[in-house]
Amino acid sequence: MPVAQVFEFFGNPKNLPRIMPGWMHLRVDQMSIVPPPDAPRDRKLAGTGSLVTVSFRPIPFLPFRLRTRADIIGLP
């Protein structure tokens, strides 16, 4: 698989539920994406200034969820 295609997959926050363990039942609750300046407009890549809020179950089978927010403040 080409590196650009792999980067695009992992750079899209909507794919987080697919890469996290299923028992976490992770969901993306809010997303404000600011694409990197050099990213094609048709891609949902998260760049500096993006905010993503997710919620998940921290322990299997427990009914409560934790919520966390990721602020992307810089890219290497």
Protein backbone atom coordinates (compact mmCIF):
# COMPACT_ATOMS: atom_id res chain seq x y z
CA MET A 1 0.00 0.00 0.00
CA PRO A 2 1.41 3.44 -0.89
CA VAL A 3 2.61 5.58 2.01
CA ALA A 4 0.37 8.48 0.95
CA GLN A 5 -2.70 6.25 1.15
CA VAL A 6 -1.71 4.99 4.63
CA PHE A 7 -1.09 8.57 5.83
CA GLU A 8 -4.47 9.66 4.47
CA PHE A 9 -6.22 6.85 6.37
CA PHE A 10 -4.53 7.60 9.71
CA GLY A 11 -4.78 11.38 9.19
CA ASN A 12 -8.58 11.25 9.00
CA PRO A 13 -10.18 11.31 12.49
CA LYS A 14 -13.29 9.56 11.16
CA ASN A 15 -11.19 6.39 10.94
CA LEU A 16 -10.43 6.32 14.70
CA PRO A 17 -13.28 3.87 15.50
CA ARG A 18 -11.86 1.46 12.91
CA ILE A 19 -8.37 1.36 14.45
CA MET A 20 -9.37 1.23 18.13
CA PRO A 21 -10.37 -2.04 19.86
CA GLY A 22 -14.03 -2.85 19.24
CA TRP A 23 -14.85 -3.25 22.94
CA MET A 24 -14.13 0.47 23.45
CA HIS A 25 -17.10 1.44 21.26
CA LEU A 26 -15.22 4.62 20.36
CA ARG A 27 -17.20 7.30 18.59
CA VAL A 28 -16.25 10.69 17.21
CA ASP A 29 -18.63 13.13 18.92
CA GLN A 30 -17.36 16.41 17.46
CA MET A 31 -14.87 17.29 14.80
CA SER A 32 -13.60 20.61 13.51
CA ILE A 33 -11.01 19.94 10.83
CA VAL A 34 -8.49 22.47 9.57
CA PRO A 35 -6.64 20.77 6.70
CA PRO A 36 -2.89 21.20 6.30
CA PRO A 37 -2.09 23.96 3.77
CA ASP A 38 -0.71 21.51 1.21
CA ALA A 39 -3.53 18.93 1.51
CA PRO A 40 -5.93 18.39 -1.40
CA ARG A 41 -9.33 19.96 -0.67
CA ASP A 42 -11.21 16.68 -1.17
CA ARG A 43 -9.37 14.99 1.72
CA LYS A 44 -10.31 15.15 5.43
CA LEU A 45 -6.82 15.39 6.90
CA ALA A 46 -6.46 17.03 10.31
CA GLY A 47 -3.89 19.79 10.48
CA THR A 48 -2.86 22.46 12.97
CA GLY A 49 -5.95 24.01 14.56
CA SER A 50 -8.13 20.90 14.27
CA LEU A 51 -10.23 19.76 17.24
CA VAL A 52 -11.58 16.23 17.70
CA THR A 53 -13.73 15.06 20.62
CA VAL A 54 -14.22 11.33 21.11
CA SER A 55 -15.94 9.19 23.72
CA PHE A 56 -15.25 5.56 24.59
CA ARG A 57 -15.66 2.84 27.18
CA PRO A 58 -12.45 2.63 29.22
CA ILE A 59 -13.15 -0.89 30.52
CA PRO A 60 -15.01 -3.61 28.61
CA PHE A 61 -18.70 -4.09 29.46
CA LEU A 62 -18.96 -1.08 31.78
CA PRO A 63 -21.88 1.18 30.86
CA PHE A 64 -20.12 4.54 31.32
CA ARG A 65 -18.06 6.41 28.75
CA LEU A 66 -15.11 8.78 29.00
CA ARG A 67 -14.77 11.80 26.75
CA THR A 68 -11.53 13.32 25.58
CA ARG A 69 -10.61 16.15 23.24
CA ALA A 70 -7.58 16.32 20.95
CA ASP A 71 -6.29 19.74 19.89
CA ILE A 72 -3.76 19.56 17.07
CA ILE A 73 -1.36 22.40 17.80
CA GLY A 74 1.43 21.52 15.39
CA LEU A 75 2.69 18.98 12.92
CA PRO A 76 6.27 17.78 12.56
